[in-house]
Amino acid sequence: MAETPSVPYRTTGSTLLHPLSQLLGIPLDQVNFVACQLFALLAAFWFRIYLSPSNVSSVVRHAFATLFGIYFAVFCFGWYSIHIFVLVMMSYGIMNIASIPNIHRYSFVVAMGYLTLCHISRIYIFNYGILTTDFSGPLMIITQKITTLAFQVHDGIGRQAEDLTAEQNRLAVKIRPSLLEYLSYLLNFMSVIAGPCSNYKDYIAFIEGRHVHMKLLEVNWKQKGYDRLPDPSPTGTVIYKLCITFVSLLLFLTLTKTYPVTYIVDSQFINNTSFLSRLGYLYIVMQASKPKYYFAWTLADAINNAAGYGFSGVDDQGNFHWDLLSNLNIWNIETATSFKMYIENWNIQTAAWLKRVCYDRAPWYPTALTFILSALWHGIYPGYYFTFVTGILMTLASRAIRNNYRHYFLSSKPLKVIYDIVTWFVTQLAVCYTVAPFVMLAVEPTIKLYKSMYFHMHILSLLLLLVLPIKPRDHTLRQLQKQVTHNSVKNKKEK
């Protein structure tokens, strides 16, 4: 978000690091954010070594994780952190008072409603993003966790196993959490500032020391020559992710300031450059806006790994992987050959949340409803809605092209290479075109940009959707198969 030069050091949190902020010339809210995350990284190593499940009870681990998280929230956001704690306690009340058939509905409405009210107040408090980090960020992550857990409790206690998908069955929670478990899951220091959202059962398994073993037991180690389970260490992975974090920070401090997003809607720039030049510069500007996300999300991932959380299993070559909580796959993002592939590798945990609470459960129009929920979750800035409405068009058009033409290019390797190059080029430009309003936030610059681009992506997408036949989606087929299975099971029970 854009900073206002007149108030570069404003923050809602602690002013302890104000001298450092002045020395570096970096807004204090950003300094507080980075300081908390670096301290969280050190705390994570200490937590894994000295508060390991073999040394202390799960109660102690829950308590320390929660207390550290509360301190970080207050340090970063001051009195505004009260919104985080209010929502957490309201949701815990719903978790214990609401009936199981309605627990997910009430939790969803309250959490999303409170978040939306805070988003509205944020416009008046911070005037379109004076602060680059504020209490709405943690509130968004906590909203994901609250709704995720509520749906999983509803699945575990209120629904029959045969009515659930395989993933819903695996993640279903059959006992309501205690207050300490609930607070630890929502407010732990590893994710309270920048996320990511994780599943409740995975988090509890981590705290209780079962997290890594559960994944290791999926492999037959005797066949691989091991007489006992290996003990994978996250240290190498953490160092690798910290290197990515450092490079991302350097790119943010150079590229992002060199190529400001405001330049693409500058009247002189628009009037004096060709359409292709404007399109090329749009790509450069959007690339320059990515490093801050790469930095924040990779650092958050590294913190969880440093604490021993995030082990995802072993591949066919016997390599250990620590990407259970990863929020992005940079290589897949930069080489994406479809809008779907790009979205699936960007903000991965948010995409998983949207899938679990909306896409997999929506009876109609799952794609459109998922994009709408995503826009509402992000906030009420008009730019978000321009991005997500455009994203619906882009996704449907990309899907139509892929379903109707991709199979023609799979017959030979040269044709497949040509297809991948063309679709990569179009995908990258389409993403830049789609997400530009997300960065600019307001209506006026968004309309000005799209006018200068002649709304070409919107027009092409609409034409493709009108001309190309739409094939049934896997989601629709799954819904039909699920209904058939349910009816079959029901009939057998009746007999």
Protein backbone atom coordinates (compact mmCIF):
# COMPACT_ATOMS: atom_id res chain seq x y z
CA MET A 1 0.00 0.00 0.00
CA ALA A 2 1.08 3.54 -0.62
CA GLU A 3 2.73 5.47 2.19
CA THR A 4 1.97 9.12 2.82
CA PRO A 5 5.21 11.13 3.00
CA SER A 6 3.78 13.58 5.58
CA VAL A 7 3.39 10.82 8.20
CA PRO A 8 6.07 8.25 7.31
CA TYR A 9 6.60 7.03 10.88
CA ARG A 10 3.03 6.68 12.11
CA THR A 11 2.18 3.46 13.92
CA THR A 12 -0.56 2.11 16.15
CA GLY A 13 1.91 -0.01 18.11
CA SER A 14 5.05 0.51 20.19
CA THR A 15 7.29 3.54 19.53
CA LEU A 16 10.31 1.83 21.12
CA LEU A 17 12.01 1.38 17.74
CA HIS A 18 11.28 4.91 16.49
CA PRO A 19 15.01 5.90 16.52
CA LEU A 20 15.82 2.85 14.36
CA SER A 21 12.95 3.78 12.05
CA GLN A 22 14.37 7.29 11.63
CA LEU A 23 17.89 5.96 11.08
CA LEU A 24 16.77 3.56 8.32
CA GLY A 25 14.16 5.88 6.81
CA ILE A 26 11.59 3.09 6.96
CA PRO A 27 8.05 3.59 8.38
CA LEU A 28 7.81 2.54 12.02
CA ASP A 29 4.93 0.12 11.43
CA GLN A 30 7.16 -1.82 9.00
CA VAL A 31 10.08 -1.77 11.46
CA ASN A 32 7.82 -3.11 14.24
CA PHE A 33 6.51 -5.84 11.93
CA VAL A 34 9.98 -7.03 10.91
CA ALA A 35 11.30 -6.79 14.48
CA CYS A 36 8.45 -8.95 15.79
CA GLN A 37 8.95 -11.52 13.05
CA LEU A 38 12.71 -11.69 13.66
CA PHE A 39 12.13 -12.06 17.39
CA ALA A 40 9.52 -14.72 16.61
CA LEU A 41 12.15 -16.55 14.55
CA LEU A 42 14.54 -16.63 17.51
CA ALA A 43 11.70 -17.62 19.83
CA ALA A 44 10.77 -20.43 17.43
CA PHE A 45 14.25 -21.99 17.62
CA TRP A 46 14.15 -21.69 21.42
CA PHE A 47 10.63 -23.16 21.49
CA ARG A 48 11.69 -26.19 19.42
CA ILE A 49 14.85 -26.88 21.46
CA TYR A 50 13.89 -26.04 25.07
CA LEU A 51 10.11 -26.48 25.00
CA SER A 52 10.03 -29.62 22.90
CA PRO A 53 7.29 -32.18 23.63
CA SER A 54 9.90 -34.44 25.25
CA ASN A 55 10.85 -31.68 27.73
CA VAL A 56 7.52 -30.10 28.68
CA SER A 57 3.81 -30.87 28.57
CA SER A 58 1.50 -29.72 25.78
CA VAL A 59 -0.15 -27.33 28.28
CA VAL A 60 3.16 -25.48 28.74
CA ARG A 61 3.73 -25.33 24.97
CA HIS A 62 0.20 -23.98 24.43
CA ALA A 63 0.64 -21.37 27.16
CA PHE A 64 4.00 -20.04 25.95
CA ALA A 65 2.89 -19.96 22.30
CA THR A 66 -0.20 -17.98 23.32
CA LEU A 67 1.55 -15.50 25.64
CA PHE A 68 4.25 -14.73 23.08
CA GLY A 69 1.59 -14.23 20.41
CA ILE A 70 -0.41 -11.81 22.56
CA TYR A 71 2.74 -9.80 23.32
CA PHE A 72 3.66 -9.53 19.63
CA ALA A 73 0.15 -8.41 18.72
CA VAL A 74 0.17 -5.68 21.37
CA PHE A 75 3.69 -4.57 20.42
CA CYS A 76 2.77 -4.22 16.74
CA PHE A 77 -0.76 -2.83 17.00
CA GLY A 78 -1.16 -1.34 20.47
CA TRP A 79 -4.75 -0.73 21.55
CA TYR A 80 -6.03 -1.79 18.14
CA SER A 81 -5.06 -5.36 19.03
CA ILE A 82 -8.15 -5.38 21.26
CA HIS A 83 -10.16 -6.09 18.10
CA ILE A 84 -8.22 -9.34 17.68
CA PHE A 85 -8.91 -10.44 21.26
CA VAL A 86 -12.59 -9.42 21.14
CA LEU A 87 -13.20 -11.49 18.01
CA VAL A 88 -11.34 -14.48 19.48
CA MET A 89 -13.43 -14.48 22.68
CA MET A 90 -16.72 -13.91 20.82
CA SER A 91 -15.92 -16.86 18.59
CA TYR A 92 -14.99 -19.06 21.54
CA GLY A 93 -18.38 -18.28 23.03
CA ILE A 94 -20.05 -19.39 19.80
CA MET A 95 -17.88 -22.51 19.73
CA ASN A 96 -19.23 -23.57 23.13
CA ILE A 97 -22.80 -22.22 23.09
CA ALA A 98 -23.99 -22.70 19.49
CA SER A 99 -25.66 -25.93 18.43
CA ILE A 100 -23.54 -28.18 16.22
CA PRO A 101 -25.88 -27.86 13.18
CA ASN A 102 -25.39 -24.06 13.29
CA ILE A 103 -21.90 -23.64 14.75
CA HIS A 104 -20.26 -23.09 11.36
CA ARG A 105 -22.93 -20.61 10.22
CA TYR A 106 -22.80 -18.46 13.36
CA SER A 107 -18.99 -18.52 13.46
CA PHE A 108 -18.75 -17.57 9.80
CA VAL A 109 -21.26 -14.69 10.04
CA VAL A 110 -19.75 -13.25 13.24
CA ALA A 111 -16.11 -13.54 12.13
CA MET A 112 -16.68 -12.19 8.61
CA GLY A 113 -19.08 -9.54 9.92
CA TYR A 114 -16.62 -8.27 12.54
CA LEU A 115 -13.78 -8.32 10.01
CA THR A 116 -15.87 -6.32 7.51
CA LEU A 117 -16.76 -3.71 10.15
CA CYS A 118 -13.05 -3.35 10.93
CA HIS A 119 -12.28 -3.02 7.21
CA ILE A 120 -14.84 -0.22 6.96
CA SER A 121 -13.43 1.61 9.98
CA ARG A 122 -9.94 1.16 8.55
CA ILE A 123 -10.75 3.44 5.61
CA TYR A 124 -11.63 6.28 7.97
CA ILE A 125 -8.81 5.58 10.43
CA PHE A 126 -5.98 5.02 7.98
CA ASN A 127 -7.27 6.86 4.88
CA TYR A 128 -6.61 4.30 2.13
CA GLY A 129 -3.57 2.73 3.68
CA ILE A 130 -1.33 5.24 5.43
CA LEU A 131 -0.03 2.21 7.31
CA THR A 132 1.38 -0.72 5.42
CA THR A 133 0.78 -3.05 8.37
CA ASP A 134 -2.18 -2.73 10.72
CA PHE A 135 -4.48 -4.85 12.87
CA SER A 136 -6.63 -5.95 9.91
CA GLY A 137 -3.88 -8.33 8.72
CA PRO A 138 -3.89 -10.56 11.85
CA LEU A 139 -7.67 -10.22 12.00
CA MET A 140 -7.91 -11.68 8.49
CA ILE A 141 -5.77 -14.68 9.45
CA ILE A 142 -7.75 -15.25 12.66
CA THR A 143 -11.01 -15.09 10.67
CA GLN A 144 -9.68 -17.89 8.48
CA LYS A 145 -8.79 -19.99 11.53
CA ILE A 146 -12.11 -19.36 13.30
CA THR A 147 -14.18 -20.38 10.29
CA THR A 148 -11.89 -23.30 9.39
CA LEU A 149 -12.20 -24.78 12.88
CA ALA A 150 -15.96 -24.15 13.05
CA PHE A 151 -16.55 -26.01 9.78
CA GLN A 152 -14.26 -28.85 10.87
CA VAL A 153 -16.05 -29.19 14.23
CA HIS A 154 -19.37 -29.23 12.36
CA ASP A 155 -17.99 -31.94 10.05
CA GLY A 156 -16.64 -34.01 12.94
CA ILE A 157 -19.63 -33.89 15.28
CA GLY A 158 -22.62 -32.90 13.17
CA ARG A 159 -22.23 -34.87 9.94
CA GLN A 160 -21.97 -38.52 8.92
CA ALA A 161 -18.64 -39.75 7.61
CA GLU A 162 -20.19 -40.87 4.30
CA ASP A 163 -21.37 -37.29 3.65
CA LEU A 164 -17.83 -35.91 3.82
CA THR A 165 -15.10 -35.81 1.23
CA ALA A 166 -11.84 -37.63 1.99
CA GLU A 167 -10.17 -34.36 3.01
CA GLN A 168 -13.10 -33.28 5.20
CA ASN A 169 -12.98 -36.68 6.91
CA ARG A 170 -9.26 -36.34 7.55
CA LEU A 171 -9.54 -32.84 9.03
CA ALA A 172 -12.81 -33.31 10.94
CA VAL A 173 -12.60 -32.34 14.64
CA LYS A 174 -14.67 -34.59 16.91
CA ILE A 175 -14.21 -32.73 20.23
CA ARG A 176 -14.66 -29.01 20.87
CA PRO A 177 -11.33 -27.43 21.89
CA SER A 178 -10.57 -26.20 25.40
CA LEU A 179 -10.03 -22.46 25.96
CA LEU A 180 -6.23 -22.85 26.06
CA GLU A 181 -6.17 -24.94 22.88
CA TYR A 182 -8.44 -22.42 21.14
CA LEU A 183 -6.31 -19.42 22.18
CA SER A 184 -3.11 -21.19 21.22
CA TYR A 185 -4.43 -22.15 17.79
CA LEU A 186 -5.61 -18.60 17.03
CA LEU A 187 -2.96 -16.47 18.78
CA ASN A 188 0.28 -18.47 18.73
CA PHE A 189 3.37 -16.33 18.12
CA MET A 190 4.34 -18.25 14.98
CA SER A 191 1.35 -17.06 12.97
CA VAL A 192 -0.42 -14.23 14.82
CA ILE A 193 1.30 -11.43 12.86
CA ALA A 194 1.48 -12.75 9.30
CA GLY A 195 -0.12 -16.19 9.31
CA PRO A 196 -0.44 -18.55 7.65
CA CYS A 197 -3.70 -20.31 8.51
CA SER A 198 -3.27 -23.98 9.36
CA ASN A 199 -5.65 -26.79 10.19
CA TYR A 200 -6.52 -27.30 13.84
CA LYS A 201 -5.67 -31.02 13.90
CA ASP A 202 -2.24 -30.36 12.36
CA TYR A 203 -1.53 -27.65 14.94
CA ILE A 204 -2.58 -29.81 17.91
CA ALA A 205 -0.47 -32.69 16.56
CA PHE A 206 2.51 -30.29 16.40
CA ILE A 207 2.02 -29.07 19.98
CA GLU A 208 1.65 -32.64 21.26
CA GLY A 209 4.71 -33.84 19.36
CA ARG A 210 2.89 -36.10 16.86
CA HIS A 211 3.17 -33.82 13.83
CA VAL A 212 6.38 -35.16 12.25
CA HIS A 213 5.85 -38.80 13.27
CA MET A 214 2.41 -38.88 11.64
CA LYS A 215 3.97 -37.96 8.30
CA LEU A 216 6.95 -40.30 8.71
CA LEU A 217 4.71 -43.29 9.43
CA GLU A 218 3.26 -42.95 5.92
CA VAL A 219 6.58 -44.30 4.57
CA ASN A 220 7.88 -47.86 4.89
CA TRP A 221 11.33 -47.08 6.31
CA LYS A 222 12.43 -50.71 6.60
CA GLN A 223 12.31 -51.03 2.82
CA LYS A 224 14.56 -47.96 2.63
CA GLY A 225 17.12 -49.57 4.94
CA TYR A 226 16.21 -47.73 8.19
CA ASP A 227 15.81 -49.72 11.47
CA ARG A 228 14.00 -46.74 13.10
CA LEU A 229 12.25 -43.55 12.13
CA PRO A 230 14.58 -40.75 11.02
CA ASP A 231 14.58 -37.39 12.80
CA PRO A 232 14.27 -34.68 10.12
CA SER A 233 15.63 -31.26 11.04
CA PRO A 234 14.13 -28.05 9.63
CA THR A 235 17.39 -26.08 9.95
CA GLY A 236 18.47 -26.43 6.31
CA THR A 237 15.00 -25.49 5.08
CA VAL A 238 14.86 -22.48 7.40
CA ILE A 239 18.23 -21.21 6.14
CA TYR A 240 17.09 -21.62 2.53
CA LYS A 241 13.85 -19.73 3.20
CA LEU A 242 15.73 -16.98 5.03
CA CYS A 243 17.94 -16.55 1.96
CA ILE A 244 14.80 -16.09 -0.17
CA THR A 245 13.53 -13.62 2.45
CA PHE A 246 16.76 -11.60 2.27
CA VAL A 247 16.74 -11.45 -1.53
CA SER A 248 13.06 -10.46 -1.49
CA LEU A 249 13.82 -7.65 0.96
CA LEU A 250 16.59 -6.32 -1.28
CA LEU A 251 14.28 -6.41 -4.30
CA PHE A 252 11.57 -4.64 -2.31
CA LEU A 253 13.95 -1.85 -1.26
CA THR A 254 15.14 -1.37 -4.86
CA LEU A 255 12.60 -2.49 -7.48
CA THR A 256 9.43 -1.50 -5.64
CA LYS A 257 10.60 2.08 -5.10
CA THR A 258 12.09 2.36 -8.58
CA TYR A 259 8.86 1.32 -10.32
CA PRO A 260 5.94 2.89 -8.43
CA VAL A 261 2.47 1.73 -9.41
CA THR A 262 1.24 5.33 -9.68
CA TYR A 263 3.31 5.83 -12.84
CA ILE A 264 1.10 3.53 -14.93
CA VAL A 265 -1.85 5.95 -14.51
CA ASP A 266 0.17 9.13 -14.98
CA SER A 267 -1.50 11.17 -17.75
CA GLN A 268 1.77 12.13 -19.39
CA PHE A 269 2.92 8.51 -19.46
CA ILE A 270 -0.37 7.34 -20.95
CA ASN A 271 -0.45 10.05 -23.62
CA ASN A 272 3.19 9.69 -24.71
CA THR A 273 3.61 5.90 -24.88
CA SER A 274 2.20 3.22 -27.13
CA PHE A 275 -0.23 0.53 -26.00
CA LEU A 276 2.46 -2.18 -26.09
CA SER A 277 4.83 -0.02 -24.04
CA ARG A 278 2.14 0.57 -21.43
CA LEU A 279 1.42 -3.15 -21.32
CA GLY A 280 5.11 -3.93 -20.86
CA TYR A 281 5.49 -1.36 -18.09
CA LEU A 282 2.40 -2.75 -16.36
CA TYR A 283 4.14 -6.14 -16.24
CA ILE A 284 7.31 -4.58 -14.76
CA VAL A 285 5.37 -2.62 -12.14
CA MET A 286 3.38 -5.66 -11.04
CA GLN A 287 6.56 -7.73 -10.83
CA ALA A 288 8.06 -5.02 -8.64
CA SER A 289 5.09 -5.21 -6.27
CA LYS A 290 5.62 -8.93 -5.49
CA PRO A 291 8.80 -8.95 -3.33
CA LYS A 292 7.03 -7.57 -0.24
CA TYR A 293 4.66 -10.57 -0.32
CA TYR A 294 7.53 -12.97 -1.01
CA PHE A 295 9.35 -11.47 1.99
CA ALA A 296 6.48 -11.55 4.49
CA TRP A 297 5.11 -14.97 3.57
CA THR A 298 8.47 -16.75 3.29
CA LEU A 299 9.62 -15.33 6.62
CA ALA A 300 6.37 -16.45 8.26
CA ASP A 301 6.87 -19.93 6.79
CA ALA A 302 10.45 -20.04 8.09
CA ILE A 303 9.28 -19.10 11.61
CA ASN A 304 6.86 -22.02 11.73
CA ASN A 305 9.52 -24.39 10.40
CA ALA A 306 12.06 -23.14 12.98
CA ALA A 307 9.57 -24.12 15.69
CA GLY A 308 9.32 -27.60 14.15
CA TYR A 309 5.96 -27.04 12.47
CA GLY A 310 5.26 -27.48 8.76
CA PHE A 311 6.69 -30.93 7.97
CA SER A 312 4.77 -32.22 4.95
CA GLY A 313 6.33 -35.61 4.33
CA VAL A 314 8.90 -37.46 2.25
CA ASP A 315 9.12 -37.57 -1.54
CA ASP A 316 10.00 -40.60 -3.71
CA GLN A 317 13.71 -39.77 -3.49
CA GLY A 318 13.62 -39.76 0.32
CA ASN A 319 13.89 -35.97 0.66
CA PHE A 320 12.16 -34.33 3.62
CA HIS A 321 9.81 -31.47 2.83
CA TRP A 322 8.73 -28.61 5.11
CA ASP A 323 6.10 -26.92 2.97
CA LEU A 324 2.86 -27.85 4.75
CA LEU A 325 2.30 -24.18 5.61
CA SER A 326 4.00 -22.54 2.63
CA ASN A 327 1.99 -19.65 1.26
CA LEU A 328 3.58 -19.49 -2.16
CA ASN A 329 5.67 -21.40 -4.69
CA ILE A 330 7.74 -18.72 -6.42
CA TRP A 331 8.93 -20.94 -9.27
CA ASN A 332 5.39 -22.08 -10.13
CA ILE A 333 4.12 -18.50 -9.92
CA GLU A 334 6.72 -17.12 -12.31
CA THR A 335 6.32 -20.05 -14.74
CA ALA A 336 2.53 -20.42 -14.51
CA THR A 337 0.89 -21.29 -17.84
CA SER A 338 -2.71 -20.83 -16.67
CA PHE A 339 -4.65 -18.50 -14.43
CA LYS A 340 -5.57 -21.50 -12.27
CA MET A 341 -1.94 -22.53 -11.82
CA TYR A 342 -0.99 -18.98 -10.83
CA ILE A 343 -3.78 -18.70 -8.24
CA GLU A 344 -3.03 -22.15 -6.77
CA ASN A 345 0.57 -21.13 -6.07
CA TRP A 346 -0.10 -17.60 -4.78
CA ASN A 347 -1.31 -17.22 -1.17
CA ILE A 348 -1.71 -21.00 -1.04
CA GLN A 349 -3.16 -21.24 2.46
CA THR A 350 -5.82 -18.63 1.72
CA ALA A 351 -6.73 -20.52 -1.45
CA ALA A 352 -7.00 -23.71 0.64
CA TRP A 353 -9.24 -21.89 3.13
CA LEU A 354 -11.50 -20.59 0.35
CA LYS A 355 -11.72 -24.09 -1.09
CA ARG A 356 -12.61 -25.71 2.24
CA VAL A 357 -15.21 -23.21 3.47
CA CYS A 358 -16.71 -22.11 0.14
CA TYR A 359 -15.77 -23.84 -3.12
CA ASP A 360 -16.23 -27.43 -1.90
CA ARG A 361 -19.49 -26.57 -0.11
CA ALA A 362 -21.16 -24.18 -2.57
CA PRO A 363 -24.19 -25.81 -4.25
CA TRP A 364 -24.11 -23.37 -7.19
CA TYR A 365 -21.58 -21.12 -8.95
CA PRO A 366 -18.64 -22.16 -6.75
CA THR A 367 -16.07 -20.13 -8.73
CA ALA A 368 -18.02 -16.87 -8.55
CA LEU A 369 -18.92 -17.33 -4.86
CA THR A 370 -15.31 -18.11 -3.99
CA PHE A 371 -14.03 -14.96 -5.69
CA ILE A 372 -16.73 -12.87 -3.95
CA LEU A 373 -15.80 -14.29 -0.54
CA SER A 374 -12.13 -13.63 -1.28
CA ALA A 375 -12.90 -9.99 -2.13
CA LEU A 376 -15.00 -9.54 1.03
CA TRP A 377 -12.29 -11.12 3.16
CA HIS A 378 -9.62 -8.80 1.74
CA GLY A 379 -11.61 -5.66 2.53
CA ILE A 380 -13.95 -3.07 1.06
CA TYR A 381 -11.55 -1.07 -1.09
CA PRO A 382 -13.07 -0.82 -4.59
CA GLY A 383 -9.85 -2.05 -6.18
CA TYR A 384 -10.28 -5.46 -4.56
CA TYR A 385 -13.68 -5.91 -6.19
CA PHE A 386 -12.40 -4.83 -9.60
CA THR A 387 -9.66 -7.44 -9.25
CA PHE A 388 -11.88 -10.31 -8.14
CA VAL A 389 -14.71 -9.64 -10.60
CA THR A 390 -12.11 -9.47 -13.38
CA GLY A 391 -10.57 -12.62 -11.92
CA ILE A 392 -13.84 -14.51 -12.37
CA LEU A 393 -13.86 -13.62 -16.07
CA MET A 394 -10.19 -14.52 -16.48
CA THR A 395 -10.57 -17.87 -14.72
CA LEU A 396 -13.62 -18.89 -16.75
CA ALA A 397 -12.04 -17.76 -20.04
CA SER A 398 -8.75 -19.52 -19.23
CA ARG A 399 -10.67 -22.67 -18.35
CA ALA A 400 -12.65 -22.54 -21.59
CA ILE A 401 -9.48 -22.24 -23.70
CA ARG A 402 -7.73 -25.02 -21.78
CA ASN A 403 -10.68 -27.43 -21.99
CA ASN A 404 -11.29 -26.82 -25.69
CA TYR A 405 -7.79 -26.56 -27.15
CA ARG A 406 -5.07 -27.89 -24.86
CA HIS A 407 -5.47 -31.53 -25.94
CA TYR A 408 -4.58 -30.58 -29.54
CA PHE A 409 -1.09 -29.55 -28.41
CA LEU A 410 -0.23 -32.69 -26.42
CA SER A 411 0.48 -34.88 -29.44
CA SER A 412 4.10 -33.77 -29.81
CA LYS A 413 6.75 -32.12 -27.65
CA PRO A 414 7.36 -29.11 -29.96
CA LEU A 415 3.64 -28.30 -30.00
CA LYS A 416 3.49 -28.62 -26.22
CA VAL A 417 6.47 -26.25 -25.85
CA ILE A 418 4.80 -23.69 -28.12
CA TYR A 419 1.55 -24.01 -26.15
CA ASP A 420 3.39 -23.52 -22.83
CA ILE A 421 5.27 -20.43 -24.08
CA VAL A 422 2.15 -18.76 -25.44
CA THR A 423 0.02 -19.58 -22.40
CA TRP A 424 2.80 -18.42 -20.04
CA PHE A 425 3.02 -15.08 -21.84
CA VAL A 426 -0.77 -14.56 -21.86
CA THR A 427 -1.16 -15.73 -18.24
CA GLN A 428 1.48 -13.34 -16.90
CA LEU A 429 -0.06 -10.36 -18.72
CA ALA A 430 -3.58 -11.37 -17.70
CA VAL A 431 -2.56 -11.61 -14.04
CA CYS A 432 -0.91 -8.18 -14.14
CA TYR A 433 -4.00 -6.71 -15.79
CA THR A 434 -6.24 -8.34 -13.18
CA VAL A 435 -4.33 -7.48 -10.00
CA ALA A 436 -3.40 -3.87 -10.81
CA PRO A 437 -6.60 -2.51 -9.13
CA PHE A 438 -5.72 -4.58 -6.03
CA VAL A 439 -2.54 -2.54 -5.67
CA MET A 440 -4.11 0.85 -6.56
CA LEU A 441 -7.18 0.34 -4.31
CA ALA A 442 -9.30 3.27 -5.57
CA VAL A 443 -11.85 3.56 -8.40
CA GLU A 444 -10.42 6.50 -10.33
CA PRO A 445 -6.93 5.11 -11.05
CA THR A 446 -8.42 1.69 -11.84
CA ILE A 447 -10.82 3.09 -14.46
CA LYS A 448 -8.04 5.27 -15.86
CA LEU A 449 -5.75 2.25 -16.22
CA TYR A 450 -8.37 0.04 -17.86
CA LYS A 451 -9.35 2.84 -20.25
CA SER A 452 -5.72 3.22 -21.27
CA MET A 453 -5.71 -0.55 -21.89
CA TYR A 454 -8.98 -0.33 -23.86
CA PHE A 455 -10.50 -2.95 -21.49
CA HIS A 456 -8.96 -5.47 -23.88
CA MET A 457 -8.75 -8.40 -21.42
CA HIS A 458 -12.36 -7.93 -20.32
CA ILE A 459 -13.56 -7.84 -23.92
CA LEU A 460 -11.49 -10.87 -24.99
CA SER A 461 -12.67 -12.90 -21.98
CA LEU A 462 -16.33 -12.13 -22.65
CA LEU A 463 -15.94 -13.02 -26.35
CA LEU A 464 -14.28 -16.33 -25.49
CA LEU A 465 -17.04 -17.22 -23.03
CA LEU A 466 -19.70 -16.39 -25.63
CA VAL A 467 -18.02 -18.33 -28.45
CA LEU A 468 -16.44 -21.39 -26.79
CA PRO A 469 -18.57 -24.28 -25.46
CA ILE A 470 -18.47 -24.68 -21.69
CA LYS A 471 -17.72 -28.20 -20.50
CA PRO A 472 -18.96 -29.49 -17.11
CA ARG A 473 -16.55 -28.87 -14.25
CA ASP A 474 -15.07 -31.45 -11.92
CA HIS A 475 -16.85 -29.69 -9.06
CA THR A 476 -20.26 -30.29 -10.65
CA LEU A 477 -19.41 -33.92 -11.36
CA ARG A 478 -18.22 -34.40 -7.78
CA GLN A 479 -21.48 -32.96 -6.46
CA LEU A 480 -23.47 -35.38 -8.62
CA GLN A 481 -21.30 -38.35 -7.61
CA LYS A 482 -21.58 -37.36 -3.96
CA GLN A 483 -25.37 -37.19 -4.22
CA VAL A 484 -25.54 -40.58 -5.93
CA THR A 485 -23.30 -42.13 -3.24
CA HIS A 486 -25.35 -40.55 -0.47
CA ASN A 487 -28.61 -41.84 -1.95
CA SER A 488 -27.09 -45.31 -2.38
CA VAL A 489 -25.94 -45.44 1.27
CA LYS A 490 -29.31 -44.13 2.43
CA ASN A 491 -31.19 -46.76 0.43
CA LYS A 492 -29.01 -49.56 1.86
CA LYS A 493 -29.70 -48.34 5.42
CA GLU A 494 -33.42 -48.23 4.77
CA LYS A 495 -33.36 -51.83 3.46
